Amino acid sequence: MPRVLIGDFGAIARMGLREFLDEEGFEIVAEEDVPGEILERLTEFRPDVVVLDLDTDGELEIAGMIASNFPAVKVIACSSEEPTMRVYPPFHHGEWYLSELTPRLLADAVRS
C-alpha cells in the first residue's frame, strides 16, 4: 500500500481525510501541521503520495516543486470548492490531469 503524506489542510478537513485514507488501508506517514514544512517532511518520511489542498494559496507551486524535485512521488491536489483534483503522476515532469473528486476516485488515484 502506498505511503501517504497529508499536506496543509484545515484541522477538520485533515481529520476527515486521514480517517478516509486509514479506512482505505493506506499508511499515513505524516501530516503537515506546520505550513511551509512539506518539503522537509518529504525528505524525512519519503512518502509515495502527497495529498495537497488545491484551495490553499501557493499549493499549485508546491505541487510543481514536488513533481520536479521528487519525481517518484505522486501528488494529488484536491479542491473542496469544486469537487476536482489535479493528479501529478510520478515521472511525468510536472504534467498533470484533472479529475472529478469523489471518495472512490481519490482512493483509486492514491492506489494506482
PDB file of N, CA and C in Angstrom:
ATOM      1  N   MET A   1       0.839  -1.194   0.000  1.00  0.00           N
ATOM      2  CA  MET A   1       0.000   0.000   0.000  1.00  0.00           C
ATOM      3  C   MET A   1       0.878   1.250   0.000  1.00  0.00           C
ATOM      4  N   PRO A   2       0.448   2.258  -0.713  1.00  0.00           N
ATOM      5  CA  PRO A   2       1.226   3.498  -0.765  1.00  0.00           C
ATOM      6  C   PRO A   2       1.337   4.194   0.595  1.00  0.00           C
ATOM      7  N   ARG A   3       2.474   4.826   0.791  1.00  0.00           N
ATOM      8  CA  ARG A   3       2.721   5.649   1.986  1.00  0.00           C
ATOM      9  C   ARG A   3       2.309   7.070   1.629  1.00  0.00           C
ATOM     10  N   VAL A   4       1.470   7.681   2.465  1.00  0.00           N
ATOM     11  CA  VAL A   4       0.854   8.968   2.137  1.00  0.00           C
ATOM     12  C   VAL A   4       1.254  10.049   3.129  1.00  0.00           C
ATOM     13  N   LEU A   5       1.567  11.219   2.613  1.00  0.00           N
ATOM     14  CA  LEU A   5       1.784  12.416   3.410  1.00  0.00           C
ATOM     15  C   LEU A   5       0.628  13.357   3.125  1.00  0.00           C
ATOM     16  N   ILE A   6      -0.043  13.820   4.158  1.00  0.00           N
ATOM     17  CA  ILE A   6      -1.163  14.744   4.019  1.00  0.00           C
ATOM     18  C   ILE A   6      -0.649  16.161   4.204  1.00  0.00           C
ATOM     19  N   GLY A   7      -0.938  17.019   3.236  1.00  0.00           N
ATOM     20  CA  GLY A   7      -0.474  18.402   3.265  1.00  0.00           C
ATOM     21  C   GLY A   7      -1.273  19.287   4.196  1.00  0.00           C
ATOM     22  N   ASP A   8      -1.124  20.583   4.002  1.00  0.00           N
ATOM     23  CA  ASP A   8      -1.688  21.607   4.873  1.00  0.00           C
ATOM     24  C   ASP A   8      -3.171  21.826   4.587  1.00  0.00           C
ATOM     25  N   PHE A   9      -4.022  21.040   5.234  1.00  0.00           N
ATOM     26  CA  PHE A   9      -5.471  21.212   5.179  1.00  0.00           C
ATOM     27  C   PHE A   9      -5.898  21.812   6.505  1.00  0.00           C
ATOM     28  N   GLY A  10      -7.099  22.355   6.564  1.00  0.00           N
ATOM     29  CA  GLY A  10      -7.650  22.761   7.849  1.00  0.00           C
ATOM     30  C   GLY A  10      -7.774  21.539   8.742  1.00  0.00           C
ATOM     31  N   ALA A  11      -7.834  21.748  10.049  1.00  0.00           N
ATOM     32  CA  ALA A  11      -7.825  20.644  11.008  1.00  0.00           C
ATOM     33  C   ALA A  11      -8.963  19.654  10.775  1.00  0.00           C
ATOM     34  N   ILE A  12     -10.159  20.138  10.527  1.00  0.00           N
ATOM     35  CA  ILE A  12     -11.306  19.244  10.346  1.00  0.00           C
ATOM     36  C   ILE A  12     -11.188  18.486   9.032  1.00  0.00           C
ATOM     37  N   ALA A  13     -10.824  19.183   7.960  1.00  0.00           N
ATOM     38  CA  ALA A  13     -10.656  18.511   6.663  1.00  0.00           C
ATOM     39  C   ALA A  13      -9.547  17.473   6.743  1.00  0.00           C
ATOM     40  N   ARG A  14      -8.452  17.815   7.415  1.00  0.00           N
ATOM     41  CA  ARG A  14      -7.326  16.880   7.548  1.00  0.00           C
ATOM     42  C   ARG A  14      -7.753  15.636   8.340  1.00  0.00           C
ATOM     43  N   MET A  15      -8.546  15.847   9.392  1.00  0.00           N
ATOM     44  CA  MET A  15      -9.020  14.732  10.198  1.00  0.00           C
ATOM     45  C   MET A  15      -9.899  13.793   9.367  1.00  0.00           C
ATOM     46  N   GLY A  16     -10.808  14.356   8.562  1.00  0.00           N
ATOM     47  CA  GLY A  16     -11.664  13.541   7.710  1.00  0.00           C
ATOM     48  C   GLY A  16     -10.879  12.810   6.637  1.00  0.00           C
ATOM     49  N   LEU A  17      -9.911  13.501   6.039  1.00  0.00           N
ATOM     50  CA  LEU A  17      -9.070  12.884   5.010  1.00  0.00           C
ATOM     51  C   LEU A  17      -8.254  11.745   5.605  1.00  0.00           C
ATOM     52  N   ARG A  18      -7.696  11.985   6.767  1.00  0.00           N
ATOM     53  CA  ARG A  18      -6.908  10.954   7.438  1.00  0.00           C
ATOM     54  C   ARG A  18      -7.768   9.724   7.739  1.00  0.00           C
ATOM     55  N   GLU A  19      -8.964   9.947   8.264  1.00  0.00           N
ATOM     56  CA  GLU A  19      -9.867   8.838   8.572  1.00  0.00           C
ATOM     57  C   GLU A  19     -10.215   8.052   7.310  1.00  0.00           C
ATOM     58  N   PHE A  20     -10.525   8.770   6.231  1.00  0.00           N
ATOM     59  CA  PHE A  20     -10.858   8.106   4.971  1.00  0.00           C
ATOM     60  C   PHE A  20      -9.691   7.266   4.465  1.00  0.00           C
ATOM     61  N   LEU A  21      -8.502   7.848   4.430  1.00  0.00           N
ATOM     62  CA  LEU A  21      -7.332   7.128   3.924  1.00  0.00           C
ATOM     63  C   LEU A  21      -6.992   5.931   4.809  1.00  0.00           C
ATOM     64  N   ASP A  22      -7.149   6.084   6.137  1.00  0.00           N
ATOM     65  CA  ASP A  22      -6.942   4.956   7.052  1.00  0.00           C
ATOM     66  C   ASP A  22      -7.918   3.824   6.741  1.00  0.00           C
ATOM     67  N   GLU A  23      -9.189   4.167   6.551  1.00  0.00           N
ATOM     68  CA  GLU A  23     -10.210   3.161   6.251  1.00  0.00           C
ATOM     69  C   GLU A  23      -9.904   2.426   4.946  1.00  0.00           C
ATOM     70  N   GLU A  24      -9.296   3.138   3.995  1.00  0.00           N
ATOM     71  CA  GLU A  24      -8.925   2.526   2.718  1.00  0.00           C
ATOM     72  C   GLU A  24      -7.659   1.670   2.825  1.00  0.00           C
ATOM     73  N   GLY A  25      -7.009   1.697   3.984  1.00  0.00           N
ATOM     74  CA  GLY A  25      -5.838   0.861   4.203  1.00  0.00           C
ATOM     75  C   GLY A  25      -4.513   1.490   3.850  1.00  0.00           C
ATOM     76  N   PHE A  26      -4.496   2.802   3.580  1.00  0.00           N
ATOM     77  CA  PHE A  26      -3.243   3.474   3.251  1.00  0.00           C
ATOM     78  C   PHE A  26      -2.472   3.800   4.521  1.00  0.00           C
ATOM     79  N   GLU A  27      -1.158   3.819   4.406  1.00  0.00           N
ATOM     80  CA  GLU A  27      -0.307   4.173   5.536  1.00  0.00           C
ATOM     81  C   GLU A  27      -0.052   5.678   5.527  1.00  0.00           C
ATOM     82  N   ILE A  28      -0.532   6.369   6.539  1.00  0.00           N
ATOM     83  CA  ILE A  28      -0.276   7.811   6.675  1.00  0.00           C
ATOM     84  C   ILE A  28       1.055   7.949   7.403  1.00  0.00           C
ATOM     85  N   VAL A  29       2.060   8.455   6.703  1.00  0.00           N
ATOM     86  CA  VAL A  29       3.389   8.559   7.307  1.00  0.00           C
ATOM     87  C   VAL A  29       3.595   9.887   8.014  1.00  0.00           C
ATOM     88  N   ALA A  30       2.848  10.921   7.606  1.00  0.00           N
ATOM     89  CA  ALA A  30       2.998  12.231   8.240  1.00  0.00           C
ATOM     90  C   ALA A  30       1.891  13.152   7.760  1.00  0.00           C
ATOM     91  N   GLU A  31       1.711  14.228   8.531  1.00  0.00           N
ATOM     92  CA  GLU A  31       0.803  15.303   8.165  1.00  0.00           C
ATOM     93  C   GLU A  31       1.562  16.613   8.308  1.00  0.00           C
ATOM     94  N   GLU A  32       1.292  17.531   7.402  1.00  0.00           N
ATOM     95  CA  GLU A  32       1.925  18.844   7.501  1.00  0.00           C
ATOM     96  C   GLU A  32       1.074  19.684   8.437  1.00  0.00           C
ATOM     97  N   ASP A  33       1.487  19.739   9.689  1.00  0.00           N
ATOM     98  CA  ASP A  33       0.736  20.528  10.650  1.00  0.00           C
ATOM     99  C   ASP A  33       1.321  21.917  10.850  1.00  0.00           C
ATOM    100  N   VAL A  34       2.490  22.161  10.274  1.00  0.00           N
ATOM    101  CA  VAL A  34       3.101  23.493  10.285  1.00  0.00           C
ATOM    102  C   VAL A  34       3.248  23.918   8.834  1.00  0.00           C
ATOM    103  N   PRO A  35       2.463  24.926   8.393  1.00  0.00           N
ATOM    104  CA  PRO A  35       2.533  25.346   6.990  1.00  0.00           C
ATOM    105  C   PRO A  35       3.965  25.658   6.552  1.00  0.00           C
ATOM    106  N   GLY A  36       4.299  25.215   5.345  1.00  0.00           N
ATOM    107  CA  GLY A  36       5.604  25.504   4.776  1.00  0.00           C
ATOM    108  C   GLY A  36       6.661  24.452   5.032  1.00  0.00           C
ATOM    109  N   GLU A  37       6.332  23.390   5.764  1.00  0.00           N
ATOM    110  CA  GLU A  37       7.335  22.376   6.076  1.00  0.00           C
ATOM    111  C   GLU A  37       7.178  21.097   5.258  1.00  0.00           C
ATOM    112  N   ILE A  38       6.404  21.158   4.191  1.00  0.00           N
ATOM    113  CA  ILE A  38       6.120  19.930   3.434  1.00  0.00           C
ATOM    114  C   ILE A  38       7.373  19.344   2.794  1.00  0.00           C
ATOM    115  N   LEU A  39       8.260  20.183   2.282  1.00  0.00           N
ATOM    116  CA  LEU A  39       9.468  19.652   1.634  1.00  0.00           C
ATOM    117  C   LEU A  39      10.363  18.938   2.638  1.00  0.00           C
ATOM    118  N   GLU A  40      10.446  19.462   3.868  1.00  0.00           N
ATOM    119  CA  GLU A  40      11.231  18.798   4.907  1.00  0.00           C
ATOM    120  C   GLU A  40      10.600  17.443   5.262  1.00  0.00           C
ATOM    121  N   ARG A  41       9.276  17.409   5.317  1.00  0.00           N
ATOM    122  CA  ARG A  41       8.589  16.153   5.645  1.00  0.00           C
ATOM    123  C   ARG A  41       8.767  15.120   4.524  1.00  0.00           C
ATOM    124  N   LEU A  42       8.817  15.583   3.278  1.00  0.00           N
ATOM    125  CA  LEU A  42       9.065  14.667   2.151  1.00  0.00           C
ATOM    126  C   LEU A  42      10.411  13.982   2.310  1.00  0.00           C
ATOM    127  N   THR A  43      11.414  14.744   2.640  1.00  0.00           N
ATOM    128  CA  THR A  43      12.761  14.204   2.803  1.00  0.00           C
ATOM    129  C   THR A  43      12.822  13.255   3.989  1.00  0.00           C
ATOM    130  N   GLU A  44      12.145  13.621   5.058  1.00  0.00           N
ATOM    131  CA  GLU A  44      12.188  12.821   6.282  1.00  0.00           C
ATOM    132  C   GLU A  44      11.397  11.516   6.172  1.00  0.00           C
ATOM    133  N   PHE A  45      10.173  11.587   5.602  1.00  0.00           N
ATOM    134  CA  PHE A  45       9.276  10.435   5.644  1.00  0.00           C
ATOM    135  C   PHE A  45       9.190   9.643   4.337  1.00  0.00           C
ATOM    136  N   ARG A  46       9.675  10.194   3.235  1.00  0.00           N
ATOM    137  CA  ARG A  46       9.726   9.512   1.934  1.00  0.00           C
ATOM    138  C   ARG A  46       8.406   8.848   1.529  1.00  0.00           C
ATOM    139  N   PRO A  47       7.348   9.640   1.404  1.00  0.00           N
ATOM    140  CA  PRO A  47       6.056   9.065   1.005  1.00  0.00           C
ATOM    141  C   PRO A  47       6.038   8.716  -0.482  1.00  0.00           C
ATOM    142  N   ASP A  48       5.079   7.869  -0.843  1.00  0.00           N
ATOM    143  CA  ASP A  48       4.835   7.563  -2.247  1.00  0.00           C
ATOM    144  C   ASP A  48       3.881   8.578  -2.860  1.00  0.00           C
ATOM    145  N   VAL A  49       2.978   9.122  -2.010  1.00  0.00           N
ATOM    146  CA  VAL A  49       1.927  10.039  -2.457  1.00  0.00           C
ATOM    147  C   VAL A  49       1.828  11.199  -1.480  1.00  0.00           C
ATOM    148  N   VAL A  50       1.650  12.403  -2.029  1.00  0.00           N
ATOM    149  CA  VAL A  50       1.378  13.587  -1.219  1.00  0.00           C
ATOM    150  C   VAL A  50       0.003  14.115  -1.626  1.00  0.00           C
ATOM    151  N   VAL A  51      -0.855  14.365  -0.643  1.00  0.00           N
ATOM    152  CA  VAL A  51      -2.180  14.920  -0.906  1.00  0.00           C
ATOM    153  C   VAL A  51      -2.180  16.358  -0.397  1.00  0.00           C
ATOM    154  N   LEU A  52      -2.449  17.298  -1.317  1.00  0.00           N
ATOM    155  CA  LEU A  52      -2.433  18.726  -1.002  1.00  0.00           C
ATOM    156  C   LEU A  52      -3.825  19.327  -1.140  1.00  0.00           C
ATOM    157  N   ASP A  53      -4.013  20.486  -0.502  1.00  0.00           N
ATOM    158  CA  ASP A  53      -5.261  21.240  -0.591  1.00  0.00           C
ATOM    159  C   ASP A  53      -5.138  22.233  -1.742  1.00  0.00           C
ATOM    160  N   LEU A  54      -5.835  21.973  -2.821  1.00  0.00           N
ATOM    161  CA  LEU A  54      -5.789  22.816  -4.014  1.00  0.00           C
ATOM    162  C   LEU A  54      -6.322  24.220  -3.745  1.00  0.00           C
ATOM    163  N   ASP A  55      -7.133  24.376  -2.706  1.00  0.00           N
ATOM    164  CA  ASP A  55      -7.744  25.665  -2.400  1.00  0.00           C
ATOM    165  C   ASP A  55      -6.851  26.581  -1.559  1.00  0.00           C
ATOM    166  N   THR A  56      -5.708  26.091  -1.114  1.00  0.00           N
ATOM    167  CA  THR A  56      -4.779  26.887  -0.312  1.00  0.00           C
ATOM    168  C   THR A  56      -3.824  27.627  -1.239  1.00  0.00           C
ATOM    169  N   ASP A  57      -3.619  28.910  -0.979  1.00  0.00           N
ATOM    170  CA  ASP A  57      -2.699  29.706  -1.787  1.00  0.00           C
ATOM    171  C   ASP A  57      -1.312  29.073  -1.814  1.00  0.00           C
ATOM    172  N   GLY A  58      -0.747  28.999  -3.001  1.00  0.00           N
ATOM    173  CA  GLY A  58       0.609  28.511  -3.171  1.00  0.00           C
ATOM    174  C   GLY A  58       0.743  27.008  -3.330  1.00  0.00           C
ATOM    175  N   GLU A  59      -0.350  26.262  -3.176  1.00  0.00           N
ATOM    176  CA  GLU A  59      -0.242  24.808  -3.249  1.00  0.00           C
ATOM    177  C   GLU A  59       0.090  24.304  -4.648  1.00  0.00           C
ATOM    178  N   LEU A  60      -0.366  25.008  -5.696  1.00  0.00           N
ATOM    179  CA  LEU A  60      -0.009  24.579  -7.054  1.00  0.00           C
ATOM    180  C   LEU A  60       1.488  24.710  -7.289  1.00  0.00           C
ATOM    181  N   GLU A  61       2.086  25.765  -6.757  1.00  0.00           N
ATOM    182  CA  GLU A  61       3.532  25.927  -6.885  1.00  0.00           C
ATOM    183  C   GLU A  61       4.251  24.818  -6.126  1.00  0.00           C
ATOM    184  N   ILE A  62       3.733  24.481  -4.937  1.00  0.00           N
ATOM    185  CA  ILE A  62       4.334  23.412  -4.148  1.00  0.00           C
ATOM    186  C   ILE A  62       4.196  22.078  -4.881  1.00  0.00           C
ATOM    187  N   ALA A  63       3.034  21.833  -5.480  1.00  0.00           N
ATOM    188  CA  ALA A  63       2.831  20.597  -6.246  1.00  0.00           C
ATOM    189  C   ALA A  63       3.852  20.501  -7.374  1.00  0.00           C
ATOM    190  N   GLY A  64       4.075  21.602  -8.077  1.00  0.00           N
ATOM    191  CA  GLY A  64       5.069  21.625  -9.149  1.00  0.00           C
ATOM    192  C   GLY A  64       6.479  21.396  -8.642  1.00  0.00           C
ATOM    193  N   MET A  65       6.796  21.990  -7.488  1.00  0.00           N
ATOM    194  CA  MET A  65       8.124  21.794  -6.892  1.00  0.00           C
ATOM    195  C   MET A  65       8.338  20.336  -6.507  1.00  0.00           C
ATOM    196  N   ILE A  66       7.311  19.723  -5.919  1.00  0.00           N
ATOM    197  CA  ILE A  66       7.433  18.317  -5.534  1.00  0.00           C
ATOM    198  C   ILE A  66       7.616  17.461  -6.779  1.00  0.00           C
ATOM    199  N   ALA A  67       6.798  17.703  -7.809  1.00  0.00           N
ATOM    200  CA  ALA A  67       6.894  16.924  -9.047  1.00  0.00           C
ATOM    201  C   ALA A  67       8.277  17.065  -9.685  1.00  0.00           C
ATOM    202  N   SER A  68       8.887  18.241  -9.589  1.00  0.00           N
ATOM    203  CA  SER A  68      10.207  18.470 -10.177  1.00  0.00           C
ATOM    204  C   SER A  68      11.336  17.894  -9.331  1.00  0.00           C
ATOM    205  N   ASN A  69      11.270  18.107  -8.016  1.00  0.00           N
ATOM    206  CA  ASN A  69      12.365  17.727  -7.133  1.00  0.00           C
ATOM    207  C   ASN A  69      12.267  16.309  -6.576  1.00  0.00           C
ATOM    208  N   PHE A  70      11.069  15.748  -6.603  1.00  0.00           N
ATOM    209  CA  PHE A  70      10.837  14.391  -6.106  1.00  0.00           C
ATOM    210  C   PHE A  70      10.035  13.635  -7.167  1.00  0.00           C
ATOM    211  N   PRO A  71      10.629  13.330  -8.312  1.00  0.00           N
ATOM    212  CA  PRO A  71       9.869  12.798  -9.451  1.00  0.00           C
ATOM    213  C   PRO A  71       9.176  11.462  -9.203  1.00  0.00           C
ATOM    214  N   ALA A  72       9.609  10.694  -8.215  1.00  0.00           N
ATOM    215  CA  ALA A  72       8.976   9.400  -7.940  1.00  0.00           C
ATOM    216  C   ALA A  72       7.703   9.539  -7.105  1.00  0.00           C
ATOM    217  N   VAL A  73       7.445  10.734  -6.583  1.00  0.00           N
ATOM    218  CA  VAL A  73       6.291  10.955  -5.703  1.00  0.00           C
ATOM    219  C   VAL A  73       5.092  11.413  -6.521  1.00  0.00           C
ATOM    220  N   LYS A  74       3.964  10.767  -6.313  1.00  0.00           N
ATOM    221  CA  LYS A  74       2.704  11.202  -6.926  1.00  0.00           C
ATOM    222  C   LYS A  74       2.126  12.318  -6.058  1.00  0.00           C
ATOM    223  N   VAL A  75       1.625  13.373  -6.705  1.00  0.00           N
ATOM    224  CA  VAL A  75       0.994  14.481  -5.990  1.00  0.00           C
ATOM    225  C   VAL A  75      -0.464  14.547  -6.410  1.00  0.00           C
ATOM    226  N   ILE A  76      -1.348  14.638  -5.407  1.00  0.00           N
ATOM    227  CA  ILE A  76      -2.775  14.787  -5.664  1.00  0.00           C
ATOM    228  C   ILE A  76      -3.229  16.038  -4.928  1.00  0.00           C
ATOM    229  N   ALA A  77      -3.659  17.034  -5.697  1.00  0.00           N
ATOM    230  CA  ALA A  77      -4.136  18.297  -5.119  1.00  0.00           C
ATOM    231  C   ALA A  77      -5.661  18.318  -5.230  1.00  0.00           C
ATOM    232  N   CYS A  78      -6.336  18.325  -4.079  1.00  0.00           N
ATOM    233  CA  CYS A  78      -7.800  18.219  -4.021  1.00  0.00           C
ATOM    234  C   CYS A  78      -8.432  19.573  -3.724  1.00  0.00           C
ATOM    235  N   SER A  79      -9.567  19.825  -4.337  1.00  0.00           N
ATOM    236  CA  SER A  79     -10.325  21.050  -4.084  1.00  0.00           C
ATOM    237  C   SER A  79     -11.663  20.700  -3.443  1.00  0.00           C
ATOM    238  N   SER A  80     -11.990  21.410  -2.369  1.00  0.00           N
ATOM    239  CA  SER A  80     -13.311  21.227  -1.768  1.00  0.00           C
ATOM    240  C   SER A  80     -14.300  22.248  -2.328  1.00  0.00           C
ATOM    241  N   GLU A  81     -13.784  23.302  -2.945  1.00  0.00           N
ATOM    242  CA  GLU A  81     -14.657  24.320  -3.531  1.00  0.00           C
ATOM    243  C   GLU A  81     -15.325  23.800  -4.799  1.00  0.00           C
ATOM    244  N   GLU A  82     -14.568  23.105  -5.615  1.00  0.00           N
ATOM    245  CA  GLU A  82     -15.076  22.394  -6.789  1.00  0.00           C
ATOM    246  C   GLU A  82     -14.648  20.955  -6.578  1.00  0.00           C
ATOM    247  N   PRO A  83     -15.527  20.003  -6.709  1.00  0.00           N
ATOM    248  CA  PRO A  83     -15.103  18.620  -6.455  1.00  0.00           C
ATOM    249  C   PRO A  83     -14.195  18.090  -7.566  1.00  0.00           C
ATOM    250  N   THR A  84     -12.959  18.604  -7.582  1.00  0.00           N
ATOM    251  CA  THR A  84     -11.971  18.201  -8.572  1.00  0.00           C
ATOM    252  C   THR A  84     -10.641  17.930  -7.886  1.00  0.00           C
ATOM    253  N   MET A  85      -9.772  17.241  -8.600  1.00  0.00           N
ATOM    254  CA  MET A  85      -8.411  17.035  -8.128  1.00  0.00           C
ATOM    255  C   MET A  85      -7.462  17.063  -9.318  1.00  0.00           C
ATOM    256  N   ARG A  86      -6.281  17.577  -9.073  1.00  0.00           N
ATOM    257  CA  ARG A  86      -5.194  17.532 -10.044  1.00  0.00           C
ATOM    258  C   ARG A  86      -4.265  16.428  -9.612  1.00  0.00           C
ATOM    259  N   VAL A  87      -3.977  15.538 -10.523  1.00  0.00           N
ATOM    260  CA  VAL A  87      -3.102  14.413 -10.208  1.00  0.00           C
ATOM    261  C   VAL A  87      -1.825  14.568 -11.025  1.00  0.00           C
ATOM    262  N   TYR A  88      -0.704  14.601 -10.319  1.00  0.00           N
ATOM    263  CA  TYR A  88       0.620  14.675 -10.927  1.00  0.00           C
ATOM    264  C   TYR A  88       1.237  13.284 -10.803  1.00  0.00           C
ATOM    265  N   PRO A  89       1.161  12.461 -11.859  1.00  0.00           N
ATOM    266  CA  PRO A  89       1.720  11.102 -11.771  1.00  0.00           C
ATOM    267  C   PRO A  89       3.238  11.150 -11.603  1.00  0.00           C
ATOM    268  N   PRO A  90       3.804  10.107 -11.018  1.00  0.00           N
ATOM    269  CA  PRO A  90       5.260  10.069 -10.881  1.00  0.00           C
ATOM    270  C   PRO A  90       5.939  10.028 -12.250  1.00  0.00           C
ATOM    271  N   PHE A  91       7.098  10.624 -12.314  1.00  0.00           N
ATOM    272  CA  PHE A  91       7.960  10.626 -13.501  1.00  0.00           C
ATOM    273  C   PHE A  91       7.299  11.236 -14.735  1.00  0.00           C
ATOM    274  N   HIS A  92       6.414  12.210 -14.538  1.00  0.00           N
ATOM    275  CA  HIS A  92       5.788  12.908 -15.667  1.00  0.00           C
ATOM    276  C   HIS A  92       6.216  14.373 -15.732  1.00  0.00           C
ATOM    277  N   HIS A  93       7.265  14.720 -15.019  1.00  0.00           N
ATOM    278  CA  HIS A  93       7.909  16.032 -15.117  1.00  0.00           C
ATOM    279  C   HIS A  93       6.934  17.196 -14.954  1.00  0.00           C
ATOM    280  N   GLY A  94       6.054  17.095 -13.983  1.00  0.00           N
ATOM    281  CA  GLY A  94       5.139  18.194 -13.689  1.00  0.00           C
ATOM    282  C   GLY A  94       3.845  18.176 -14.476  1.00  0.00           C
ATOM    283  N   GLU A  95       3.701  17.265 -15.421  1.00  0.00           N
ATOM    284  CA  GLU A  95       2.431  17.170 -16.149  1.00  0.00           C
ATOM    285  C   GLU A  95       1.371  16.633 -15.200  1.00  0.00           C
ATOM    286  N   TRP A  96       0.133  17.054 -15.386  1.00  0.00           N
ATOM    287  CA  TRP A  96      -0.948  16.628 -14.512  1.00  0.00           C
ATOM    288  C   TRP A  96      -2.218  16.444 -15.318  1.00  0.00           C
ATOM    289  N   TYR A  97      -3.177  15.772 -14.702  1.00  0.00           N
ATOM    290  CA  TYR A  97      -4.500  15.664 -15.310  1.00  0.00           C
ATOM    291  C   TYR A  97      -5.545  16.033 -14.265  1.00  0.00           C
ATOM    292  N   LEU A  98      -6.657  16.530 -14.744  1.00  0.00           N
ATOM    293  CA  LEU A  98      -7.761  16.949 -13.888  1.00  0.00           C
ATOM    294  C   LEU A  98      -8.791  15.834 -13.832  1.00  0.00           C
ATOM    295  N   SER A  99      -9.311  15.574 -12.648  1.00  0.00           N
ATOM    296  CA  SER A  99     -10.301  14.524 -12.456  1.00  0.00           C
ATOM    297  C   SER A  99     -11.364  15.004 -11.492  1.00  0.00           C
ATOM    298  N   GLU A 100     -12.525  14.426 -11.612  1.00  0.00           N
ATOM    299  CA  GLU A 100     -13.568  14.653 -10.622  1.00  0.00           C
ATOM    300  C   GLU A 100     -13.063  14.123  -9.285  1.00  0.00           C
ATOM    301  N   LEU A 101     -13.491  14.735  -8.190  1.00  0.00           N
ATOM    302  CA  LEU A 101     -13.093  14.298  -6.859  1.00  0.00           C
ATOM    303  C   LEU A 101     -14.274  13.625  -6.176  1.00  0.00           C
ATOM    304  N   THR A 102     -14.168  12.325  -6.029  1.00  0.00           N
ATOM    305  CA  THR A 102     -15.113  11.535  -5.248  1.00  0.00           C
ATOM    306  C   THR A 102     -14.270  10.648  -4.343  1.00  0.00           C
ATOM    307  N   PRO A 103     -14.841  10.117  -3.285  1.00  0.00           N
ATOM    308  CA  PRO A 103     -14.046   9.227  -2.441  1.00  0.00           C
ATOM    309  C   PRO A 103     -13.420   8.068  -3.232  1.00  0.00           C
ATOM    310  N   ARG A 104     -14.172   7.443  -4.108  1.00  0.00           N
ATOM    311  CA  ARG A 104     -13.650   6.306  -4.869  1.00  0.00           C
ATOM    312  C   ARG A 104     -12.533   6.738  -5.805  1.00  0.00           C
ATOM    313  N   LEU A 105     -12.709   7.869  -6.518  1.00  0.00           N
ATOM    314  CA  LEU A 105     -11.672   8.326  -7.442  1.00  0.00           C
ATOM    315  C   LEU A 105     -10.409   8.744  -6.701  1.00  0.00           C
ATOM    316  N   LEU A 106     -10.570   9.334  -5.520  1.00  0.00           N
ATOM    317  CA  LEU A 106      -9.399   9.701  -4.718  1.00  0.00           C
ATOM    318  C   LEU A 106      -8.649   8.445  -4.286  1.00  0.00           C
ATOM    319  N   ALA A 107      -9.362   7.459  -3.779  1.00  0.00           N
ATOM    320  CA  ALA A 107      -8.717   6.213  -3.353  1.00  0.00           C
ATOM    321  C   ALA A 107      -8.016   5.547  -4.541  1.00  0.00           C
ATOM    322  N   ASP A 108      -8.667   5.533  -5.686  1.00  0.00           N
ATOM    323  CA  ASP A 108      -8.054   4.946  -6.886  1.00  0.00           C
ATOM    324  C   ASP A 108      -6.801   5.696  -7.306  1.00  0.00           C
ATOM    325  N   ALA A 109      -6.836   7.029  -7.212  1.00  0.00           N
ATOM    326  CA  ALA A 109      -5.673   7.834  -7.589  1.00  0.00           C
ATOM    327  C   ALA A 109      -4.500   7.577  -6.640  1.00  0.00           C
ATOM    328  N   VAL A 110      -4.778   7.453  -5.363  1.00  0.00           N
ATOM    329  CA  VAL A 110      -3.709   7.168  -4.395  1.00  0.00           C
ATOM    330  C   VAL A 110      -3.154   5.771  -4.645  1.00  0.00           C
ATOM    331  N   ARG A 111      -4.022   4.836  -4.918  1.00  0.00           N
ATOM    332  CA  ARG A 111      -3.648   3.435  -5.059  1.00  0.00           C
ATOM    333  C   ARG A 111      -2.870   3.148  -6.351  1.00  0.00           C
ATOM    334  N   SER A 112      -3.242   3.798  -7.443  1.00  0.00           N
ATOM    335  CA  SER A 112      -2.658   3.446  -8.743  1.00  0.00           C
ATOM    336  C   SER A 112      -1.294   4.047  -8.993  1.00  0.00           C
TER     337      SER A 112
END
